Protein backbone atom coordinates (compact mmCIF):
# COMPACT_ATOMS: atom_id res chain seq x y z
CA MET A 1 -0.75 -5.70 -16.59
CA PHE A 2 0.82 -4.70 -13.30
CA ASN A 3 0.86 -0.91 -13.04
CA LYS A 4 1.38 -0.21 -9.34
CA HIS A 5 4.67 0.92 -7.89
CA ILE A 6 6.04 1.86 -4.50
CA ASP A 7 8.14 4.99 -4.34
CA ILE A 8 10.66 4.81 -1.50
CA ARG A 9 13.14 7.34 -2.85
CA GLY A 10 14.57 9.35 -0.01
CA ALA A 11 13.12 7.04 2.62
CA ASP A 12 15.46 6.07 5.43
CA THR A 13 13.41 2.97 6.18
CA VAL A 14 10.74 1.00 4.40
CA PRO A 15 7.58 1.16 6.53
CA MET A 16 6.88 -2.56 6.25
CA PRO A 17 8.88 -5.67 5.43
CA LEU A 18 9.35 -6.34 1.73
CA GLU A 19 7.66 -9.72 2.22
CA THR A 20 4.50 -7.96 3.45
CA VAL A 21 4.53 -5.49 0.56
CA LEU A 22 4.90 -8.23 -2.03
CA LYS A 23 2.08 -10.28 -0.51
CA THR A 24 -0.17 -7.22 -0.12
CA LEU A 25 0.23 -6.30 -3.79
CA ASN A 26 -0.32 -9.95 -4.77
CA ILE A 27 3.11 -10.10 -6.41
CA VAL A 28 4.07 -13.29 -4.59
CA ASN A 29 2.39 -15.87 -2.39
CA GLU A 30 3.51 -17.79 0.70
CA THR A 31 4.94 -20.64 -1.38
CA CYS A 32 7.11 -18.29 -3.42
CA ILE A 33 8.44 -16.62 -0.27
CA TRP A 34 9.08 -19.99 1.41
CA ASP A 35 10.98 -21.26 -1.64
CA PHE A 36 13.05 -18.07 -1.85
CA GLN A 37 13.95 -18.20 1.86
CA THR A 38 14.85 -21.88 1.64
CA ASN A 39 17.06 -21.35 -1.42
CA LEU A 40 18.69 -18.28 0.14
CA ARG A 41 19.44 -20.20 3.33
CA ALA A 42 20.97 -23.07 1.33
CA HIS A 43 23.22 -20.70 -0.64
CA ALA A 44 24.28 -18.90 2.54
CA GLU A 45 25.17 -22.19 4.24
CA THR A 46 27.17 -23.30 1.20
CA ALA A 47 29.04 -19.99 1.06
CA LEU A 48 29.80 -20.11 4.79
CA GLN A 49 31.07 -23.68 4.52
CA SER A 50 33.29 -22.67 1.60
CA ILE A 51 34.80 -19.83 3.66
CA MET A 52 35.35 -22.12 6.64
CA ASP A 53 37.02 -24.73 4.41
CA ARG A 54 39.45 -22.12 3.04
CA GLU A 55 40.32 -20.92 6.54
CA SER A 56 41.23 -24.40 7.81
């Protein structure tokens, strides 16, 4: 069972990128991060295209 946690309450900035934290704690691997970034990019492009279509 996963019992670690990161307490960032009151922090103005996170000291390292979330990607690094997740990999360091073995929560995700490179493939998971790559898939997430690819899917996020695809959704962002679709949303942007939708906005541009409405504007024209």
